[in-house]
Amino acid sequence: MPATFGVENLFGLTAPAGGHVQESSSESSIEVATIRNASGVTVKAVPKPLVTKTVTLKGKGDASLASVAAGAFVADTLRITSAKQSESNDDFPDFEVTGMAYSNLT
């Protein structure tokens, strides 16, 4: 019996209606503020309050670019920042959709 694998976690981003997600990834980053003494040694490091989360979906099919809604960034809400569609004569079309969310540590 063949095994079936699929992407289970889309990290809050909605999959395109005309596509099939084959890969998803999520990355969060925080910048660090540092203080150095006269010798150049870091004596204090604290996280800055802005947290940036990036979610990427890759797959086959249509990225449904026409269904992307415009709107302002709101804290902790993913917004699509880029979408790429590529086609070839050999295979199904590929898509890659990237969304970003910004939040505050406090």
PDB file of N, CA and C in Angstrom:
ATOM      1  N   MET A   1       0.849  -1.173   0.000  1.00  0.00           N
ATOM      2  CA  MET A   1       0.000   0.000   0.000  1.00  0.00           C
ATOM      3  C   MET A   1       0.893   1.232   0.000  1.00  0.00           C
ATOM      4  N   PRO A   2       0.674   2.183  -0.906  1.00  0.00           N
ATOM      5  CA  PRO A   2       1.530   3.358  -0.961  1.00  0.00           C
ATOM      6  C   PRO A   2       1.291   4.274   0.238  1.00  0.00           C
ATOM      7  N   ALA A   3       2.355   4.912   0.657  1.00  0.00           N
ATOM      8  CA  ALA A   3       2.263   5.869   1.752  1.00  0.00           C
ATOM      9  C   ALA A   3       1.860   7.234   1.199  1.00  0.00           C
ATOM     10  N   THR A   4       1.127   8.001   1.987  1.00  0.00           N
ATOM     11  CA  THR A   4       0.716   9.344   1.584  1.00  0.00           C
ATOM     12  C   THR A   4       1.324  10.341   2.552  1.00  0.00           C
ATOM     13  N   PHE A   5       2.029  11.301   1.995  1.00  0.00           N
ATOM     14  CA  PHE A   5       2.637  12.343   2.804  1.00  0.00           C
ATOM     15  C   PHE A   5       2.038  13.667   2.385  1.00  0.00           C
ATOM     16  N   GLY A   6       1.958  14.593   3.294  1.00  0.00           N
ATOM     17  CA  GLY A   6       1.422  15.913   2.969  1.00  0.00           C
ATOM     18  C   GLY A   6       1.914  16.940   3.957  1.00  0.00           C
ATOM     19  N   VAL A   7       1.724  18.177   3.609  1.00  0.00           N
ATOM     20  CA  VAL A   7       2.097  19.274   4.486  1.00  0.00           C
ATOM     21  C   VAL A   7       0.965  19.466   5.474  1.00  0.00           C
ATOM     22  N   GLU A   8       1.259  19.329   6.752  1.00  0.00           N
ATOM     23  CA  GLU A   8       0.227  19.444   7.769  1.00  0.00           C
ATOM     24  C   GLU A   8       0.135  20.828   8.374  1.00  0.00           C
ATOM     25  N   ASN A   9       1.254  21.550   8.456  1.00  0.00           N
ATOM     26  CA  ASN A   9       1.268  22.843   9.117  1.00  0.00           C
ATOM     27  C   ASN A   9       1.592  23.930   8.104  1.00  0.00           C
ATOM     28  N   LEU A  10       0.651  24.845   7.889  1.00  0.00           N
ATOM     29  CA  LEU A  10       0.861  25.968   6.977  1.00  0.00           C
ATOM     30  C   LEU A  10       1.248  27.238   7.740  1.00  0.00           C
ATOM     31  N   PHE A  11       1.396  27.144   9.055  1.00  0.00           N
ATOM     32  CA  PHE A  11       1.860  28.236   9.918  1.00  0.00           C
ATOM     33  C   PHE A  11       0.995  29.483   9.801  1.00  0.00           C
ATOM     34  N   GLY A  12      -0.299  29.309   9.566  1.00  0.00           N
ATOM     35  CA  GLY A  12      -1.221  30.447   9.528  1.00  0.00           C
ATOM     36  C   GLY A  12      -1.438  31.045   8.155  1.00  0.00           C
ATOM     37  N   LEU A  13      -0.687  30.636   7.161  1.00  0.00           N
ATOM     38  CA  LEU A  13      -0.874  31.129   5.792  1.00  0.00           C
ATOM     39  C   LEU A  13      -1.862  30.211   5.085  1.00  0.00           C
ATOM     40  N   THR A  14      -2.745  30.753   4.271  1.00  0.00           N
ATOM     41  CA  THR A  14      -3.752  29.960   3.574  1.00  0.00           C
ATOM     42  C   THR A  14      -3.183  29.426   2.265  1.00  0.00           C
ATOM     43  N   ALA A  15      -3.382  28.167   2.016  1.00  0.00           N
ATOM     44  CA  ALA A  15      -2.900  27.555   0.774  1.00  0.00           C
ATOM     45  C   ALA A  15      -3.700  28.091  -0.408  1.00  0.00           C
ATOM     46  N   PRO A  16      -3.050  28.312  -1.558  1.00  0.00           N
ATOM     47  CA  PRO A  16      -3.774  28.765  -2.739  1.00  0.00           C
ATOM     48  C   PRO A  16      -4.826  27.734  -3.156  1.00  0.00           C
ATOM     49  N   ALA A  17      -6.001  28.210  -3.564  1.00  0.00           N
ATOM     50  CA  ALA A  17      -7.100  27.309  -3.920  1.00  0.00           C
ATOM     51  C   ALA A  17      -6.764  26.449  -5.129  1.00  0.00           C
ATOM     52  N   GLY A  18      -5.986  26.964  -6.067  1.00  0.00           N
ATOM     53  CA  GLY A  18      -5.672  26.217  -7.270  1.00  0.00           C
ATOM     54  C   GLY A  18      -4.353  25.482  -7.227  1.00  0.00           C
ATOM     55  N   GLY A  19      -3.763  25.366  -6.037  1.00  0.00           N
ATOM     56  CA  GLY A  19      -2.463  24.728  -5.935  1.00  0.00           C
ATOM     57  C   GLY A  19      -2.412  23.654  -4.871  1.00  0.00           C
ATOM     58  N   HIS A  20      -1.327  22.912  -4.884  1.00  0.00           N
ATOM     59  CA  HIS A  20      -1.092  21.851  -3.910  1.00  0.00           C
ATOM     60  C   HIS A  20       0.235  22.133  -3.225  1.00  0.00           C
ATOM     61  N   VAL A  21       0.196  22.377  -1.922  1.00  0.00           N
ATOM     62  CA  VAL A  21       1.396  22.721  -1.160  1.00  0.00           C
ATOM     63  C   VAL A  21       2.237  21.474  -0.955  1.00  0.00           C
ATOM     64  N   GLN A  22       3.522  21.566  -1.294  1.00  0.00           N
ATOM     65  CA  GLN A  22       4.452  20.458  -1.116  1.00  0.00           C
ATOM     66  C   GLN A  22       5.458  20.726  -0.008  1.00  0.00           C
ATOM     67  N   GLU A  23       5.615  21.987   0.353  1.00  0.00           N
ATOM     68  CA  GLU A  23       6.623  22.345   1.362  1.00  0.00           C
ATOM     69  C   GLU A  23       6.175  23.614   2.069  1.00  0.00           C
ATOM     70  N   SER A  24       6.375  23.661   3.389  1.00  0.00           N
ATOM     71  CA  SER A  24       6.098  24.877   4.152  1.00  0.00           C
ATOM     72  C   SER A  24       7.223  25.079   5.161  1.00  0.00           C
ATOM     73  N   SER A  25       7.530  26.352   5.406  1.00  0.00           N
ATOM     74  CA  SER A  25       8.570  26.664   6.391  1.00  0.00           C
ATOM     75  C   SER A  25       8.215  27.950   7.107  1.00  0.00           C
ATOM     76  N   SER A  26       8.697  28.061   8.332  1.00  0.00           N
ATOM     77  CA  SER A  26       8.459  29.244   9.151  1.00  0.00           C
ATOM     78  C   SER A  26       9.753  29.623   9.841  1.00  0.00           C
ATOM     79  N   GLU A  27      10.015  30.924   9.888  1.00  0.00           N
ATOM     80  CA  GLU A  27      11.232  31.425  10.532  1.00  0.00           C
ATOM     81  C   GLU A  27      10.892  32.702  11.287  1.00  0.00           C
ATOM     82  N   SER A  28      11.345  32.805  12.521  1.00  0.00           N
ATOM     83  CA  SER A  28      11.170  34.017  13.320  1.00  0.00           C
ATOM     84  C   SER A  28      12.526  34.593  13.661  1.00  0.00           C
ATOM     85  N   SER A  29      12.594  35.922  13.669  1.00  0.00           N
ATOM     86  CA  SER A  29      13.875  36.553  14.000  1.00  0.00           C
ATOM     87  C   SER A  29      13.661  37.747  14.913  1.00  0.00           C
ATOM     88  N   ILE A  30      14.638  37.949  15.781  1.00  0.00           N
ATOM     89  CA  ILE A  30      14.658  39.068  16.711  1.00  0.00           C
ATOM     90  C   ILE A  30      16.049  39.678  16.658  1.00  0.00           C
ATOM     91  N   GLU A  31      16.111  40.995  16.522  1.00  0.00           N
ATOM     92  CA  GLU A  31      17.407  41.661  16.571  1.00  0.00           C
ATOM     93  C   GLU A  31      17.818  41.846  18.024  1.00  0.00           C
ATOM     94  N   VAL A  32      19.125  41.904  18.250  1.00  0.00           N
ATOM     95  CA  VAL A  32      19.663  42.050  19.596  1.00  0.00           C
ATOM     96  C   VAL A  32      20.424  43.367  19.692  1.00  0.00           C
ATOM     97  N   ALA A  33      20.120  44.145  20.731  1.00  0.00           N
ATOM     98  CA  ALA A  33      20.841  45.386  21.006  1.00  0.00           C
ATOM     99  C   ALA A  33      21.956  45.070  22.002  1.00  0.00           C
ATOM    100  N   THR A  34      23.154  45.557  21.732  1.00  0.00           N
ATOM    101  CA  THR A  34      24.299  45.261  22.605  1.00  0.00           C
ATOM    102  C   THR A  34      24.985  46.535  23.063  1.00  0.00           C
ATOM    103  N   ILE A  35      25.661  46.423  24.197  1.00  0.00           N
ATOM    104  CA  ILE A  35      26.519  47.493  24.724  1.00  0.00           C
ATOM    105  C   ILE A  35      27.906  46.914  24.874  1.00  0.00           C
ATOM    106  N   ARG A  36      28.899  47.613  24.334  1.00  0.00           N
ATOM    107  CA  ARG A  36      30.303  47.178  24.447  1.00  0.00           C
ATOM    108  C   ARG A  36      31.062  48.143  25.350  1.00  0.00           C
ATOM    109  N   ASN A  37      32.015  47.587  26.093  1.00  0.00           N
ATOM    110  CA  ASN A  37      32.840  48.443  26.944  1.00  0.00           C
ATOM    111  C   ASN A  37      34.015  49.000  26.144  1.00  0.00           C
ATOM    112  N   ALA A  38      34.942  49.698  26.813  1.00  0.00           N
ATOM    113  CA  ALA A  38      36.074  50.341  26.139  1.00  0.00           C
ATOM    114  C   ALA A  38      36.989  49.331  25.449  1.00  0.00           C
ATOM    115  N   SER A  39      36.991  48.086  25.908  1.00  0.00           N
ATOM    116  CA  SER A  39      37.829  47.041  25.305  1.00  0.00           C
ATOM    117  C   SER A  39      37.147  46.351  24.126  1.00  0.00           C
ATOM    118  N   GLY A  40      35.906  46.711  23.849  1.00  0.00           N
ATOM    119  CA  GLY A  40      35.180  46.095  22.749  1.00  0.00           C
ATOM    120  C   GLY A  40      34.461  44.819  23.138  1.00  0.00           C
ATOM    121  N   VAL A  41      34.405  44.511  24.425  1.00  0.00           N
ATOM    122  CA  VAL A  41      33.729  43.312  24.908  1.00  0.00           C
ATOM    123  C   VAL A  41      32.254  43.639  25.150  1.00  0.00           C
ATOM    124  N   THR A  42      31.378  42.776  24.685  1.00  0.00           N
ATOM    125  CA  THR A  42      29.949  42.971  24.907  1.00  0.00           C
ATOM    126  C   THR A  42      29.635  42.716  26.377  1.00  0.00           C
ATOM    127  N   VAL A  43      29.068  43.735  27.025  1.00  0.00           N
ATOM    128  CA  VAL A  43      28.757  43.618  28.447  1.00  0.00           C
ATOM    129  C   VAL A  43      27.254  43.465  28.699  1.00  0.00           C
ATOM    130  N   LYS A  44      26.449  43.816  27.705  1.00  0.00           N
ATOM    131  CA  LYS A  44      25.005  43.658  27.865  1.00  0.00           C
ATOM    132  C   LYS A  44      24.392  43.414  26.493  1.00  0.00           C
ATOM    133  N   ALA A  45      23.458  42.464  26.438  1.00  0.00           N
ATOM    134  CA  ALA A  45      22.730  42.164  25.209  1.00  0.00           C
ATOM    135  C   ALA A  45      21.277  41.902  25.573  1.00  0.00           C
ATOM    136  N   VAL A  46      20.370  42.630  24.926  1.00  0.00           N
ATOM    137  CA  VAL A  46      18.943  42.460  25.172  1.00  0.00           C
ATOM    138  C   VAL A  46      18.217  42.409  23.823  1.00  0.00           C
ATOM    139  N   PRO A  47      17.114  41.669  23.752  1.00  0.00           N
ATOM    140  CA  PRO A  47      16.370  41.613  22.487  1.00  0.00           C
ATOM    141  C   PRO A  47      15.619  42.913  22.230  1.00  0.00           C
ATOM    142  N   LYS A  48      15.588  43.327  20.961  1.00  0.00           N
ATOM    143  CA  LYS A  48      14.762  44.465  20.572  1.00  0.00           C
ATOM    144  C   LYS A  48      13.315  43.991  20.540  1.00  0.00           C
ATOM    145  N   PRO A  49      12.347  44.879  20.673  1.00  0.00           N
ATOM    146  CA  PRO A  49      10.951  44.435  20.804  1.00  0.00           C
ATOM    147  C   PRO A  49      10.304  43.878  19.534  1.00  0.00           C
ATOM    148  N   LEU A  50      10.856  44.162  18.349  1.00  0.00           N
ATOM    149  CA  LEU A  50      10.217  43.720  17.112  1.00  0.00           C
ATOM    150  C   LEU A  50      10.580  42.280  16.779  1.00  0.00           C
ATOM    151  N   VAL A  51       9.551  41.430  16.572  1.00  0.00           N
ATOM    152  CA  VAL A  51       9.732  40.050  16.150  1.00  0.00           C
ATOM    153  C   VAL A  51       9.187  39.941  14.727  1.00  0.00           C
ATOM    154  N   THR A  52      10.006  39.418  13.817  1.00  0.00           N
ATOM    155  CA  THR A  52       9.604  39.244  12.428  1.00  0.00           C
ATOM    156  C   THR A  52       9.460  37.759  12.144  1.00  0.00           C
ATOM    157  N   LYS A  53       8.266  37.360  11.668  1.00  0.00           N
ATOM    158  CA  LYS A  53       7.998  35.958  11.329  1.00  0.00           C
ATOM    159  C   LYS A  53       7.791  35.868   9.824  1.00  0.00           C
ATOM    160  N   THR A  54       8.496  34.946   9.185  1.00  0.00           N
ATOM    161  CA  THR A  54       8.387  34.741   7.746  1.00  0.00           C
ATOM    162  C   THR A  54       7.904  33.313   7.486  1.00  0.00           C
ATOM    163  N   VAL A  55       6.844  33.175   6.699  1.00  0.00           N
ATOM    164  CA  VAL A  55       6.283  31.867   6.347  1.00  0.00           C
ATOM    165  C   VAL A  55       6.336  31.725   4.829  1.00  0.00           C
ATOM    166  N   THR A  56       6.820  30.568   4.353  1.00  0.00           N
ATOM    167  CA  THR A  56       6.915  30.311   2.918  1.00  0.00           C
ATOM    168  C   THR A  56       6.203  29.002   2.583  1.00  0.00           C
ATOM    169  N   LEU A  57       5.389  29.042   1.544  1.00  0.00           N
ATOM    170  CA  LEU A  57       4.727  27.854   1.013  1.00  0.00           C
ATOM    171  C   LEU A  57       5.209  27.643  -0.411  1.00  0.00           C
ATOM    172  N   LYS A  58       5.565  26.395  -0.745  1.00  0.00           N
ATOM    173  CA  LYS A  58       5.983  26.048  -2.102  1.00  0.00           C
ATOM    174  C   LYS A  58       5.173  24.856  -2.565  1.00  0.00           C
ATOM    175  N   GLY A  59       4.879  24.824  -3.856  1.00  0.00           N
ATOM    176  CA  GLY A  59       4.119  23.694  -4.363  1.00  0.00           C
ATOM    177  C   GLY A  59       3.889  23.758  -5.850  1.00  0.00           C
ATOM    178  N   LYS A  60       2.932  22.962  -6.298  1.00  0.00           N
ATOM    179  CA  LYS A  60       2.578  22.856  -7.708  1.00  0.00           C
ATOM    180  C   LYS A  60       1.163  23.379  -7.904  1.00  0.00           C
ATOM    181  N   GLY A  61       0.934  23.979  -9.072  1.00  0.00           N
ATOM    182  CA  GLY A  61      -0.393  24.479  -9.406  1.00  0.00           C
ATOM    183  C   GLY A  61      -0.382  25.988  -9.528  1.00  0.00           C
ATOM    184  N   ASP A  62      -1.542  26.592  -9.339  1.00  0.00           N
ATOM    185  CA  ASP A  62      -1.728  28.026  -9.501  1.00  0.00           C
ATOM    186  C   ASP A  62      -1.600  28.726  -8.154  1.00  0.00           C
ATOM    187  N   ALA A  63      -0.816  29.801  -8.102  1.00  0.00           N
ATOM    188  CA  ALA A  63      -0.635  30.551  -6.855  1.00  0.00           C
ATOM    189  C   ALA A  63      -1.832  31.431  -6.542  1.00  0.00           C
ATOM    190  N   SER A  64      -2.798  31.525  -7.431  1.00  0.00           N
ATOM    191  CA  SER A  64      -4.019  32.330  -7.235  1.00  0.00           C
ATOM    192  C   SER A  64      -3.688  33.767  -6.866  1.00  0.00           C
ATOM    193  N   LEU A  65      -2.857  34.392  -7.661  1.00  0.00           N
ATOM    194  CA  LEU A  65      -2.434  35.760  -7.371  1.00  0.00           C
ATOM    195  C   LEU A  65      -3.605  36.734  -7.385  1.00  0.00           C
ATOM    196  N   ALA A  66      -4.640  36.443  -8.137  1.00  0.00           N
ATOM    197  CA  ALA A  66      -5.792  37.336  -8.199  1.00  0.00           C
ATOM    198  C   ALA A  66      -6.557  37.375  -6.879  1.00  0.00           C
ATOM    199  N   SER A  67      -6.407  36.361  -6.038  1.00  0.00           N
ATOM    200  CA  SER A  67      -7.154  36.317  -4.780  1.00  0.00           C
ATOM    201  C   SER A  67      -6.403  36.946  -3.613  1.00  0.00           C
ATOM    202  N   VAL A  68      -5.223  37.514  -3.857  1.00  0.00           N
ATOM    203  CA  VAL A  68      -4.454  38.156  -2.787  1.00  0.00           C
ATOM    204  C   VAL A  68      -5.134  39.474  -2.422  1.00  0.00           C
ATOM    205  N   ALA A  69      -5.468  39.640  -1.155  1.00  0.00           N
ATOM    206  CA  ALA A  69      -6.168  40.836  -0.700  1.00  0.00           C
ATOM    207  C   ALA A  69      -5.183  41.898  -0.231  1.00  0.00           C
ATOM    208  N   ALA A  70      -5.463  43.137  -0.588  1.00  0.00           N
ATOM    209  CA  ALA A  70      -4.636  44.255  -0.130  1.00  0.00           C
ATOM    210  C   ALA A  70      -5.061  44.648   1.277  1.00  0.00           C
ATOM    211  N   GLY A  71      -4.161  45.262   2.005  1.00  0.00           N
ATOM    212  CA  GLY A  71      -4.513  45.722   3.338  1.00  0.00           C
ATOM    213  C   GLY A  71      -3.277  46.103   4.127  1.00  0.00           C
ATOM    214  N   ALA A  72      -3.495  46.785   5.230  1.00  0.00           N
ATOM    215  CA  ALA A  72      -2.405  47.254   6.076  1.00  0.00           C
ATOM    216  C   ALA A  72      -1.885  46.118   6.956  1.00  0.00           C
ATOM    217  N   PHE A  73      -0.629  46.247   7.372  1.00  0.00           N
ATOM    218  CA  PHE A  73      -0.067  45.283   8.309  1.00  0.00           C
ATOM    219  C   PHE A  73      -0.663  45.536   9.688  1.00  0.00           C
ATOM    220  N   VAL A  74      -1.050  44.460  10.348  1.00  0.00           N
ATOM    221  CA  VAL A  74      -1.586  44.493  11.702  1.00  0.00           C
ATOM    222  C   VAL A  74      -0.733  43.554  12.531  1.00  0.00           C
ATOM    223  N   ALA A  75      -0.469  43.908  13.785  1.00  0.00           N
ATOM    224  CA  ALA A  75       0.385  43.092  14.640  1.00  0.00           C
ATOM    225  C   ALA A  75      -0.098  41.644  14.681  1.00  0.00           C
ATOM    226  N   ASP A  76       0.840  40.720  14.566  1.00  0.00           N
ATOM    227  CA  ASP A  76       0.601  39.279  14.663  1.00  0.00           C
ATOM    228  C   ASP A  76      -0.273  38.701  13.544  1.00  0.00           C
ATOM    229  N   THR A  77      -0.457  39.407  12.441  1.00  0.00           N
ATOM    230  CA  THR A  77      -1.263  38.920  11.326  1.00  0.00           C
ATOM    231  C   THR A  77      -0.378  38.745  10.101  1.00  0.00           C
ATOM    232  N   LEU A  78      -0.383  37.548   9.527  1.00  0.00           N
ATOM    233  CA  LEU A  78       0.405  37.287   8.323  1.00  0.00           C
ATOM    234  C   LEU A  78      -0.179  38.021   7.131  1.00  0.00           C
ATOM    235  N   ARG A  79       0.686  38.671   6.366  1.00  0.00           N
ATOM    236  CA  ARG A  79       0.298  39.320   5.123  1.00  0.00           C
ATOM    237  C   ARG A  79       1.236  38.815   4.031  1.00  0.00           C
ATOM    238  N   ILE A  80       0.713  38.521   2.865  1.00  0.00           N
ATOM    239  CA  ILE A  80       1.537  38.048   1.758  1.00  0.00           C
ATOM    240  C   ILE A  80       2.399  39.197   1.264  1.00  0.00           C
ATOM    241  N   THR A  81       3.709  38.970   1.231  1.00  0.00           N
ATOM    242  CA  THR A  81       4.646  39.992   0.772  1.00  0.00           C
ATOM    243  C   THR A  81       5.237  39.669  -0.587  1.00  0.00           C
ATOM    244  N   SER A  82       5.189  38.410  -0.998  1.00  0.00           N
ATOM    245  CA  SER A  82       5.648  38.059  -2.343  1.00  0.00           C
ATOM    246  C   SER A  82       5.010  36.753  -2.785  1.00  0.00           C
ATOM    247  N   ALA A  83       4.819  36.659  -4.092  1.00  0.00           N
ATOM    248  CA  ALA A  83       4.285  35.437  -4.698  1.00  0.00           C
ATOM    249  C   ALA A  83       4.958  35.268  -6.047  1.00  0.00           C
ATOM    250  N   LYS A  84       5.399  34.063  -6.319  1.00  0.00           N
ATOM    251  CA  LYS A  84       6.104  33.789  -7.564  1.00  0.00           C
ATOM    252  C   LYS A  84       5.461  32.587  -8.235  1.00  0.00           C
ATOM    253  N   GLN A  85       5.222  32.713  -9.519  1.00  0.00           N
ATOM    254  CA  GLN A  85       4.646  31.637 -10.318  1.00  0.00           C
ATOM    255  C   GLN A  85       5.601  31.361 -11.475  1.00  0.00           C
ATOM    256  N   SER A  86       5.933  30.109 -11.706  1.00  0.00           N
ATOM    257  CA  SER A  86       6.781  29.757 -12.847  1.00  0.00           C
ATOM    258  C   SER A  86       6.190  28.546 -13.563  1.00  0.00           C
ATOM    259  N   GLU A  87       6.355  28.529 -14.877  1.00  0.00           N
ATOM    260  CA  GLU A  87       5.806  27.446 -15.682  1.00  0.00           C
ATOM    261  C   GLU A  87       6.858  26.935 -16.647  1.00  0.00           C
ATOM    262  N   SER A  88       6.710  25.668 -17.023  1.00  0.00           N
ATOM    263  CA  SER A  88       7.582  25.067 -18.025  1.00  0.00           C
ATOM    264  C   SER A  88       6.753  24.093 -18.859  1.00  0.00           C
ATOM    265  N   ASN A  89       7.323  23.652 -19.976  1.00  0.00           N
ATOM    266  CA  ASN A  89       6.632  22.693 -20.835  1.00  0.00           C
ATOM    267  C   ASN A  89       6.741  21.270 -20.309  1.00  0.00           C
ATOM    268  N   ASP A  90       7.648  21.037 -19.364  1.00  0.00           N
ATOM    269  CA  ASP A  90       7.937  19.682 -18.892  1.00  0.00           C
ATOM    270  C   ASP A  90       7.106  19.226 -17.704  1.00  0.00           C
ATOM    271  N   ASP A  91       6.612  20.169 -16.900  1.00  0.00           N
ATOM    272  CA  ASP A  91       6.008  19.796 -15.625  1.00  0.00           C
ATOM    273  C   ASP A  91       4.856  20.743 -15.306  1.00  0.00           C
ATOM    274  N   PHE A  92       4.191  20.487 -14.180  1.00  0.00           N
ATOM    275  CA  PHE A  92       3.138  21.369 -13.699  1.00  0.00           C
ATOM    276  C   PHE A  92       3.747  22.702 -13.270  1.00  0.00           C
ATOM    277  N   PRO A  93       2.958  23.781 -13.242  1.00  0.00           N
ATOM    278  CA  PRO A  93       3.480  25.067 -12.787  1.00  0.00           C
ATOM    279  C   PRO A  93       3.899  25.003 -11.315  1.00  0.00           C
ATOM    280  N   ASP A  94       4.952  25.754 -10.976  1.00  0.00           N
ATOM    281  CA  ASP A  94       5.429  25.866  -9.597  1.00  0.00           C
ATOM    282  C   ASP A  94       4.991  27.203  -9.022  1.00  0.00           C
ATOM    283  N   PHE A  95       4.770  27.240  -7.704  1.00  0.00           N
ATOM    284  CA  PHE A  95       4.507  28.515  -7.048  1.00  0.00           C
ATOM    285  C   PHE A  95       5.274  28.593  -5.740  1.00  0.00           C
ATOM    286  N   GLU A  96       5.499  29.823  -5.294  1.00  0.00           N
ATOM    287  CA  GLU A  96       6.102  30.100  -3.993  1.00  0.00           C
ATOM    288  C   GLU A  96       5.445  31.353  -3.446  1.00  0.00           C
ATOM    289  N   VAL A  97       4.846  31.245  -2.274  1.00  0.00           N
ATOM    290  CA  VAL A  97       4.158  32.356  -1.629  1.00  0.00           C
ATOM    291  C   VAL A  97       4.846  32.617  -0.290  1.00  0.00           C
ATOM    292  N   THR A  98       5.185  33.888  -0.036  1.00  0.00           N
ATOM    293  CA  THR A  98       5.847  34.261   1.212  1.00  0.00           C
ATOM    294  C   THR A  98       4.999  35.292   1.947  1.00  0.00           C
ATOM    295  N   GLY A  99       4.790  35.063   3.222  1.00  0.00           N
ATOM    296  CA  GLY A  99       4.051  36.001   4.066  1.00  0.00           C
ATOM    297  C   GLY A  99       4.882  36.400   5.256  1.00  0.00           C
ATOM    298  N   MET A 100       4.647  37.613   5.754  1.00  0.00           N
ATOM    299  CA  MET A 100       5.374  38.107   6.917  1.00  0.00           C
ATOM    300  C   MET A 100       4.385  38.619   7.958  1.00  0.00           C
ATOM    301  N   ALA A 101       4.773  38.471   9.220  1.00  0.00           N
ATOM    302  CA  ALA A 101       3.992  39.006  10.338  1.00  0.00           C
ATOM    303  C   ALA A 101       4.962  39.690  11.288  1.00  0.00           C
ATOM    304  N   TYR A 102       4.520  40.791  11.838  1.00  0.00           N
ATOM    305  CA  TYR A 102       5.341  41.534  12.794  1.00  0.00           C
ATOM    306  C   TYR A 102       4.611  41.559  14.124  1.00  0.00           C
ATOM    307  N   SER A 103       5.363  41.364  15.196  1.00  0.00           N
ATOM    308  CA  SER A 103       4.763  41.426  16.520  1.00  0.00           C
ATOM    309  C   SER A 103       5.733  42.079  17.489  1.00  0.00           C
ATOM    310  N   ASN A 104       5.235  42.376  18.661  1.00  0.00           N
ATOM    311  CA  ASN A 104       5.994  43.072  19.677  1.00  0.00           C
ATOM    312  C   ASN A 104       6.203  42.135  20.858  1.00  0.00           C
ATOM    313  N   LEU A 105       7.410  42.116  21.424  1.00  0.00           N
ATOM    314  CA  LEU A 105       7.691  41.237  22.558  1.00  0.00           C
ATOM    315  C   LEU A 105       6.925  41.607  23.819  1.00  0.00           C
ATOM    316  N   THR A 106       6.575  42.859  23.968  1.00  0.00           N
ATOM    317  CA  THR A 106       5.926  43.286  25.218  1.00  0.00           C
ATOM    318  C   THR A 106       4.465  42.997  25.241  1.00  0.00           C
TER     319      THR A 106
END
